[in-house]
Amino acid sequence: MKKQILFLCTHNSCRSQMAEALANHYLGDRLEAFSAGTEATRVNPLVILALAELGINSSGLYSKTIAEYSDRTFDHVVTLCGDANEKCPLFFGGVQRSHRGFEDPSRLQGSAKEVLPEFRRVRDEIKNWIIDYFGGTP
């Protein structure tokens, strides 16, 4: 049975979306990843572009809140930003909870061309961490 992982961020628009897509893409044979936020907004278009550069289809991604998963159980819950780490500190049912913060590239000012390199950098950091932490291969 595949491990179930929930990645959390505040708005579920950038880092948690990348983590969900990257984990499912690279480790989908052994885990199933989901993402949510303490608030729902929209998936940042530069996330979609950065994922597409790796050949990852993001058409199924959408912003959701943690309430959407209130009836599910997870093996791992990972917060990816400090705000989510503070607002969602406890899960019941034997869940392994961890925090791994990443910078938020969506906070950067500038044109898409100017900020896209930071989206790529954070995407690659998340990808490498997921592969190392959950034991996959790129």
N, C-alpha and C. Protein backbone atom coordinates (compact mmCIF):
# COMPACT_ATOMS: atom_id res chain seq x y z
N MET A 1 0.84 -1.19 0.00
CA MET A 1 0.00 0.00 0.00
C MET A 1 0.89 1.25 0.00
N LYS A 2 0.52 2.21 -0.80
CA LYS A 2 1.32 3.44 -0.92
C LYS A 2 1.18 4.30 0.33
N LYS A 3 2.30 4.93 0.72
CA LYS A 3 2.27 5.91 1.80
C LYS A 3 1.49 7.12 1.32
N GLN A 4 0.72 7.72 2.21
CA GLN A 4 -0.08 8.91 1.92
C GLN A 4 0.62 10.11 2.57
N ILE A 5 0.90 11.14 1.78
CA ILE A 5 1.61 12.32 2.27
C ILE A 5 0.79 13.56 1.96
N LEU A 6 0.69 14.43 2.94
CA LEU A 6 0.03 15.73 2.77
C LEU A 6 1.06 16.82 2.98
N PHE A 7 1.22 17.68 1.97
CA PHE A 7 2.10 18.84 2.05
C PHE A 7 1.24 20.07 2.32
N LEU A 8 1.64 20.86 3.32
CA LEU A 8 0.87 22.03 3.71
C LEU A 8 1.67 23.32 3.58
N CYS A 9 1.00 24.34 3.08
CA CYS A 9 1.51 25.72 3.06
C CYS A 9 0.32 26.63 3.34
N THR A 10 0.57 27.89 3.44
CA THR A 10 -0.51 28.82 3.77
C THR A 10 -1.57 28.88 2.69
N HIS A 11 -1.18 29.21 1.46
CA HIS A 11 -2.16 29.46 0.39
C HIS A 11 -2.32 28.32 -0.60
N ASN A 12 -1.53 27.26 -0.46
CA ASN A 12 -1.59 26.14 -1.38
C ASN A 12 -1.54 26.63 -2.84
N SER A 13 -0.59 27.52 -3.10
CA SER A 13 -0.47 28.08 -4.44
C SER A 13 0.89 27.85 -5.08
N CYS A 14 1.90 27.53 -4.27
CA CYS A 14 3.24 27.46 -4.82
C CYS A 14 4.01 26.23 -4.31
N ARG A 15 4.63 26.34 -3.12
CA ARG A 15 5.52 25.28 -2.63
C ARG A 15 4.81 23.95 -2.41
N SER A 16 3.65 23.98 -1.79
CA SER A 16 2.94 22.71 -1.54
C SER A 16 2.43 22.09 -2.84
N GLN A 17 2.07 22.93 -3.81
CA GLN A 17 1.66 22.41 -5.11
C GLN A 17 2.84 21.74 -5.81
N MET A 18 4.01 22.39 -5.75
CA MET A 18 5.19 21.80 -6.35
C MET A 18 5.52 20.47 -5.67
N ALA A 19 5.45 20.44 -4.34
CA ALA A 19 5.78 19.22 -3.61
C ALA A 19 4.83 18.08 -3.98
N GLU A 20 3.53 18.38 -4.06
CA GLU A 20 2.55 17.36 -4.46
C GLU A 20 2.90 16.79 -5.83
N ALA A 21 3.10 17.66 -6.80
CA ALA A 21 3.36 17.22 -8.17
C ALA A 21 4.70 16.50 -8.28
N LEU A 22 5.73 17.01 -7.63
CA LEU A 22 7.05 16.39 -7.70
C LEU A 22 7.06 15.02 -7.04
N ALA A 23 6.44 14.91 -5.87
CA ALA A 23 6.40 13.62 -5.17
C ALA A 23 5.64 12.59 -6.00
N ASN A 24 4.51 12.97 -6.54
CA ASN A 24 3.73 12.03 -7.35
C ASN A 24 4.47 11.64 -8.63
N HIS A 25 5.19 12.59 -9.20
CA HIS A 25 5.92 12.31 -10.43
C HIS A 25 7.11 11.37 -10.20
N TYR A 26 7.93 11.70 -9.21
CA TYR A 26 9.16 10.95 -8.99
C TYR A 26 9.00 9.72 -8.10
N LEU A 27 8.01 9.73 -7.21
CA LEU A 27 7.86 8.63 -6.25
C LEU A 27 6.48 8.01 -6.27
N GLY A 28 5.74 8.23 -7.34
CA GLY A 28 4.36 7.77 -7.41
C GLY A 28 4.19 6.27 -7.34
N ASP A 29 5.26 5.52 -7.54
CA ASP A 29 5.16 4.06 -7.43
C ASP A 29 5.07 3.60 -5.98
N ARG A 30 5.45 4.48 -5.02
CA ARG A 30 5.43 4.08 -3.62
C ARG A 30 4.68 5.02 -2.69
N LEU A 31 4.28 6.18 -3.19
CA LEU A 31 3.53 7.09 -2.35
C LEU A 31 2.50 7.86 -3.16
N GLU A 32 1.55 8.43 -2.44
CA GLU A 32 0.54 9.29 -3.06
C GLU A 32 0.55 10.59 -2.29
N ALA A 33 0.83 11.67 -3.00
CA ALA A 33 0.96 12.98 -2.36
C ALA A 33 -0.24 13.86 -2.65
N PHE A 34 -0.56 14.70 -1.66
CA PHE A 34 -1.64 15.67 -1.74
C PHE A 34 -1.10 16.98 -1.18
N SER A 35 -1.81 18.05 -1.43
CA SER A 35 -1.42 19.33 -0.84
C SER A 35 -2.65 20.11 -0.43
N ALA A 36 -2.44 21.00 0.52
CA ALA A 36 -3.52 21.86 0.99
C ALA A 36 -2.91 23.08 1.65
N GLY A 37 -3.77 24.04 1.96
CA GLY A 37 -3.33 25.25 2.64
C GLY A 37 -4.25 25.58 3.79
N THR A 38 -3.79 26.50 4.61
CA THR A 38 -4.67 27.00 5.65
C THR A 38 -5.73 27.91 5.03
N GLU A 39 -5.44 28.39 3.81
CA GLU A 39 -6.38 29.16 3.00
C GLU A 39 -6.21 28.67 1.56
N ALA A 40 -7.26 28.72 0.77
CA ALA A 40 -7.14 28.35 -0.64
C ALA A 40 -7.11 29.62 -1.49
N THR A 41 -6.28 29.61 -2.50
CA THR A 41 -6.20 30.74 -3.44
C THR A 41 -6.26 30.19 -4.86
N ARG A 42 -5.11 30.18 -5.53
CA ARG A 42 -5.02 29.63 -6.88
C ARG A 42 -3.59 29.12 -7.07
N VAL A 43 -3.42 28.22 -7.99
CA VAL A 43 -2.07 27.74 -8.30
C VAL A 43 -1.36 28.82 -9.09
N ASN A 44 -0.19 29.18 -8.64
CA ASN A 44 0.59 30.21 -9.31
C ASN A 44 0.97 29.73 -10.72
N PRO A 45 0.73 30.54 -11.75
CA PRO A 45 1.05 30.12 -13.12
C PRO A 45 2.53 29.78 -13.33
N LEU A 46 3.42 30.39 -12.56
CA LEU A 46 4.84 30.07 -12.71
C LEU A 46 5.18 28.70 -12.13
N VAL A 47 4.37 28.20 -11.21
CA VAL A 47 4.52 26.83 -10.72
C VAL A 47 4.23 25.87 -11.87
N ILE A 48 3.15 26.13 -12.58
CA ILE A 48 2.77 25.28 -13.71
C ILE A 48 3.88 25.27 -14.76
N LEU A 49 4.44 26.44 -15.04
CA LEU A 49 5.53 26.54 -16.01
C LEU A 49 6.77 25.80 -15.53
N ALA A 50 7.15 26.00 -14.28
CA ALA A 50 8.35 25.35 -13.73
C ALA A 50 8.19 23.83 -13.72
N LEU A 51 7.01 23.34 -13.42
CA LEU A 51 6.77 21.89 -13.44
C LEU A 51 6.79 21.36 -14.87
N ALA A 52 6.21 22.10 -15.79
CA ALA A 52 6.18 21.67 -17.20
C ALA A 52 7.60 21.52 -17.75
N GLU A 53 8.52 22.34 -17.29
CA GLU A 53 9.91 22.24 -17.73
C GLU A 53 10.52 20.88 -17.40
N LEU A 54 9.98 20.21 -16.38
CA LEU A 54 10.45 18.87 -16.01
C LEU A 54 9.57 17.77 -16.60
N GLY A 55 8.62 18.16 -17.46
CA GLY A 55 7.73 17.20 -18.08
C GLY A 55 6.60 16.74 -17.17
N ILE A 56 6.28 17.55 -16.16
CA ILE A 56 5.23 17.20 -15.21
C ILE A 56 3.93 17.89 -15.60
N ASN A 57 2.90 17.11 -15.81
CA ASN A 57 1.57 17.63 -16.13
C ASN A 57 0.91 18.11 -14.84
N SER A 58 0.55 19.36 -14.79
CA SER A 58 -0.05 19.93 -13.58
C SER A 58 -1.54 20.24 -13.76
N SER A 59 -2.15 19.65 -14.77
CA SER A 59 -3.55 19.98 -15.06
C SER A 59 -4.50 19.61 -13.92
N GLY A 60 -4.13 18.65 -13.08
CA GLY A 60 -5.00 18.25 -11.97
C GLY A 60 -4.80 19.05 -10.70
N LEU A 61 -3.84 19.97 -10.70
CA LEU A 61 -3.58 20.75 -9.50
C LEU A 61 -4.61 21.86 -9.32
N TYR A 62 -5.06 22.05 -8.10
CA TYR A 62 -5.91 23.19 -7.75
C TYR A 62 -5.70 23.49 -6.28
N SER A 63 -5.96 24.71 -5.89
CA SER A 63 -5.75 25.14 -4.51
C SER A 63 -6.88 24.64 -3.63
N LYS A 64 -6.51 24.04 -2.49
CA LYS A 64 -7.49 23.48 -1.57
C LYS A 64 -7.11 23.78 -0.12
N THR A 65 -8.07 23.71 0.76
CA THR A 65 -7.79 23.89 2.18
C THR A 65 -7.69 22.53 2.85
N ILE A 66 -7.14 22.54 4.03
CA ILE A 66 -6.98 21.32 4.81
C ILE A 66 -8.34 20.68 5.13
N ALA A 67 -9.38 21.49 5.16
CA ALA A 67 -10.72 20.96 5.45
C ALA A 67 -11.14 19.92 4.42
N GLU A 68 -10.63 20.01 3.21
CA GLU A 68 -10.96 19.05 2.17
C GLU A 68 -10.51 17.64 2.52
N TYR A 69 -9.54 17.54 3.42
CA TYR A 69 -8.98 16.24 3.79
C TYR A 69 -9.34 15.82 5.22
N SER A 70 -10.37 16.42 5.77
CA SER A 70 -10.72 16.15 7.16
C SER A 70 -11.10 14.70 7.42
N ASP A 71 -11.53 13.98 6.40
CA ASP A 71 -11.94 12.59 6.58
C ASP A 71 -10.86 11.59 6.15
N ARG A 72 -9.66 12.07 5.84
CA ARG A 72 -8.58 11.20 5.37
C ARG A 72 -7.53 11.02 6.44
N THR A 73 -6.80 9.96 6.34
CA THR A 73 -5.64 9.77 7.20
C THR A 73 -4.39 9.77 6.32
N PHE A 74 -3.29 10.22 6.90
CA PHE A 74 -2.03 10.33 6.19
C PHE A 74 -0.92 9.69 7.00
N ASP A 75 0.07 9.17 6.31
CA ASP A 75 1.25 8.63 6.98
C ASP A 75 2.21 9.75 7.36
N HIS A 76 2.25 10.77 6.52
CA HIS A 76 3.14 11.92 6.75
C HIS A 76 2.37 13.20 6.47
N VAL A 77 2.59 14.19 7.33
CA VAL A 77 2.11 15.55 7.09
C VAL A 77 3.33 16.44 7.18
N VAL A 78 3.60 17.18 6.11
CA VAL A 78 4.79 18.01 6.03
C VAL A 78 4.39 19.45 5.79
N THR A 79 4.77 20.33 6.71
CA THR A 79 4.55 21.76 6.49
C THR A 79 5.78 22.31 5.78
N LEU A 80 5.52 23.21 4.83
CA LEU A 80 6.60 23.75 4.01
C LEU A 80 6.83 25.23 4.23
N CYS A 81 6.03 25.84 5.11
CA CYS A 81 6.24 27.24 5.44
C CYS A 81 5.96 27.44 6.93
N GLY A 82 6.57 28.46 7.50
CA GLY A 82 6.44 28.72 8.92
C GLY A 82 5.01 28.97 9.37
N ASP A 83 4.24 29.67 8.57
CA ASP A 83 2.86 29.99 8.94
C ASP A 83 2.04 28.71 9.07
N ALA A 84 2.14 27.82 8.11
CA ALA A 84 1.41 26.55 8.18
C ALA A 84 1.92 25.71 9.34
N ASN A 85 3.20 25.77 9.60
CA ASN A 85 3.78 25.02 10.71
C ASN A 85 3.17 25.48 12.04
N GLU A 86 2.95 26.78 12.18
CA GLU A 86 2.36 27.32 13.41
C GLU A 86 0.87 27.06 13.50
N LYS A 87 0.15 27.14 12.38
CA LYS A 87 -1.31 27.00 12.40
C LYS A 87 -1.79 25.56 12.39
N CYS A 88 -0.95 24.64 11.97
CA CYS A 88 -1.35 23.23 11.88
C CYS A 88 -0.34 22.35 12.61
N PRO A 89 -0.17 22.57 13.89
CA PRO A 89 0.88 21.84 14.59
C PRO A 89 0.54 20.41 14.98
N LEU A 90 -0.74 19.99 14.90
CA LEU A 90 -1.11 18.70 15.45
C LEU A 90 -2.03 17.92 14.53
N PHE A 91 -1.70 16.67 14.32
CA PHE A 91 -2.57 15.75 13.59
C PHE A 91 -2.66 14.48 14.41
N PHE A 92 -3.80 13.84 14.40
CA PHE A 92 -4.02 12.64 15.18
C PHE A 92 -3.92 11.41 14.31
N GLY A 93 -3.78 10.26 14.94
CA GLY A 93 -3.83 9.00 14.21
C GLY A 93 -2.47 8.45 13.81
N GLY A 94 -1.42 8.71 14.56
CA GLY A 94 -0.12 8.12 14.28
C GLY A 94 0.59 8.73 13.09
N VAL A 95 0.25 9.93 12.75
CA VAL A 95 0.86 10.61 11.62
C VAL A 95 2.27 11.06 11.97
N GLN A 96 3.19 10.84 11.04
CA GLN A 96 4.52 11.39 11.20
C GLN A 96 4.48 12.81 10.67
N ARG A 97 4.74 13.76 11.55
CA ARG A 97 4.67 15.17 11.18
C ARG A 97 6.07 15.74 11.11
N SER A 98 6.34 16.52 10.06
CA SER A 98 7.64 17.16 9.94
C SER A 98 7.46 18.54 9.31
N HIS A 99 8.50 19.33 9.47
CA HIS A 99 8.51 20.67 8.88
C HIS A 99 9.81 20.82 8.10
N ARG A 100 9.68 21.31 6.88
CA ARG A 100 10.84 21.64 6.06
C ARG A 100 10.49 22.90 5.30
N GLY A 101 10.98 24.02 5.78
CA GLY A 101 10.67 25.30 5.17
C GLY A 101 11.47 25.56 3.90
N PHE A 102 10.81 26.17 2.95
CA PHE A 102 11.44 26.61 1.71
C PHE A 102 11.05 28.06 1.47
N GLU A 103 11.92 28.82 0.83
CA GLU A 103 11.59 30.20 0.49
C GLU A 103 10.39 30.23 -0.44
N ASP A 104 9.64 31.33 -0.36
CA ASP A 104 8.44 31.47 -1.18
C ASP A 104 8.74 32.35 -2.39
N PRO A 105 8.93 31.76 -3.57
CA PRO A 105 9.25 32.58 -4.74
C PRO A 105 8.08 33.44 -5.20
N SER A 106 6.87 33.13 -4.78
CA SER A 106 5.72 33.92 -5.21
C SER A 106 5.70 35.30 -4.56
N ARG A 107 6.53 35.51 -3.56
CA ARG A 107 6.60 36.83 -2.91
C ARG A 107 7.50 37.81 -3.66
N LEU A 108 8.23 37.32 -4.63
CA LEU A 108 9.17 38.17 -5.37
C LEU A 108 8.44 39.12 -6.30
N GLN A 109 9.00 40.29 -6.45
CA GLN A 109 8.47 41.30 -7.37
C GLN A 109 9.26 41.22 -8.67
N GLY A 110 8.59 41.49 -9.76
CA GLY A 110 9.25 41.51 -11.05
C GLY A 110 8.43 40.77 -12.09
N SER A 111 8.94 40.80 -13.30
CA SER A 111 8.26 40.13 -14.40
C SER A 111 8.42 38.62 -14.24
N ALA A 112 7.61 37.88 -14.98
CA ALA A 112 7.71 36.42 -14.95
C ALA A 112 9.13 35.99 -15.33
N LYS A 113 9.70 36.63 -16.33
CA LYS A 113 11.05 36.30 -16.77
C LYS A 113 12.07 36.54 -15.66
N GLU A 114 11.86 37.59 -14.87
CA GLU A 114 12.79 37.92 -13.79
C GLU A 114 12.69 36.97 -12.60
N VAL A 115 11.49 36.50 -12.27
CA VAL A 115 11.32 35.68 -11.08
C VAL A 115 11.31 34.17 -11.36
N LEU A 116 11.14 33.78 -12.62
CA LEU A 116 11.10 32.35 -12.95
C LEU A 116 12.34 31.59 -12.47
N PRO A 117 13.55 32.17 -12.55
CA PRO A 117 14.71 31.44 -12.03
C PRO A 117 14.58 31.06 -10.55
N GLU A 118 13.92 31.87 -9.75
CA GLU A 118 13.72 31.53 -8.34
C GLU A 118 12.70 30.41 -8.18
N PHE A 119 11.68 30.40 -9.01
CA PHE A 119 10.72 29.28 -8.99
C PHE A 119 11.44 27.98 -9.32
N ARG A 120 12.33 28.03 -10.30
CA ARG A 120 13.11 26.85 -10.67
C ARG A 120 14.00 26.40 -9.52
N ARG A 121 14.66 27.35 -8.88
CA ARG A 121 15.56 27.03 -7.77
C ARG A 121 14.80 26.35 -6.64
N VAL A 122 13.66 26.93 -6.24
CA VAL A 122 12.87 26.35 -5.16
C VAL A 122 12.29 25.00 -5.59
N ARG A 123 11.82 24.91 -6.82
CA ARG A 123 11.34 23.62 -7.35
C ARG A 123 12.40 22.55 -7.20
N ASP A 124 13.63 22.87 -7.60
CA ASP A 124 14.71 21.90 -7.54
C ASP A 124 15.08 21.55 -6.10
N GLU A 125 15.04 22.53 -5.21
CA GLU A 125 15.30 22.26 -3.79
C GLU A 125 14.24 21.31 -3.22
N ILE A 126 12.98 21.57 -3.55
CA ILE A 126 11.90 20.71 -3.06
C ILE A 126 12.05 19.31 -3.64
N LYS A 127 12.32 19.22 -4.93
CA LYS A 127 12.50 17.92 -5.59
C LYS A 127 13.61 17.12 -4.92
N ASN A 128 14.76 17.74 -4.73
CA ASN A 128 15.89 17.04 -4.12
C ASN A 128 15.60 16.62 -2.70
N TRP A 129 14.93 17.47 -1.94
CA TRP A 129 14.58 17.12 -0.56
C TRP A 129 13.61 15.94 -0.53
N ILE A 130 12.58 15.98 -1.36
CA ILE A 130 11.60 14.89 -1.39
C ILE A 130 12.28 13.57 -1.74
N ILE A 131 13.13 13.59 -2.74
CA ILE A 131 13.82 12.36 -3.15
C ILE A 131 14.73 11.86 -2.02
N ASP A 132 15.46 12.76 -1.38
CA ASP A 132 16.33 12.35 -0.27
C ASP A 132 15.52 11.88 0.93
N TYR A 133 14.51 12.63 1.32
CA TYR A 133 13.75 12.36 2.54
C TYR A 133 12.89 11.10 2.43
N PHE A 134 12.26 10.92 1.29
CA PHE A 134 11.37 9.78 1.12
C PHE A 134 12.01 8.61 0.37
N GLY A 135 13.32 8.75 0.08
CA GLY A 135 14.10 7.63 -0.42
C GLY A 135 13.88 7.23 -1.86
N GLY A 136 13.61 8.18 -2.69
CA GLY A 136 13.39 7.85 -4.09
C GLY A 136 14.64 8.02 -4.92
N THR A 137 14.48 7.88 -6.21
CA THR A 137 15.56 8.13 -7.16
C THR A 137 15.04 9.11 -8.20
N PRO A 138 15.88 10.04 -8.63
CA PRO A 138 15.41 11.02 -9.63
C PRO A 138 15.12 10.42 -10.98
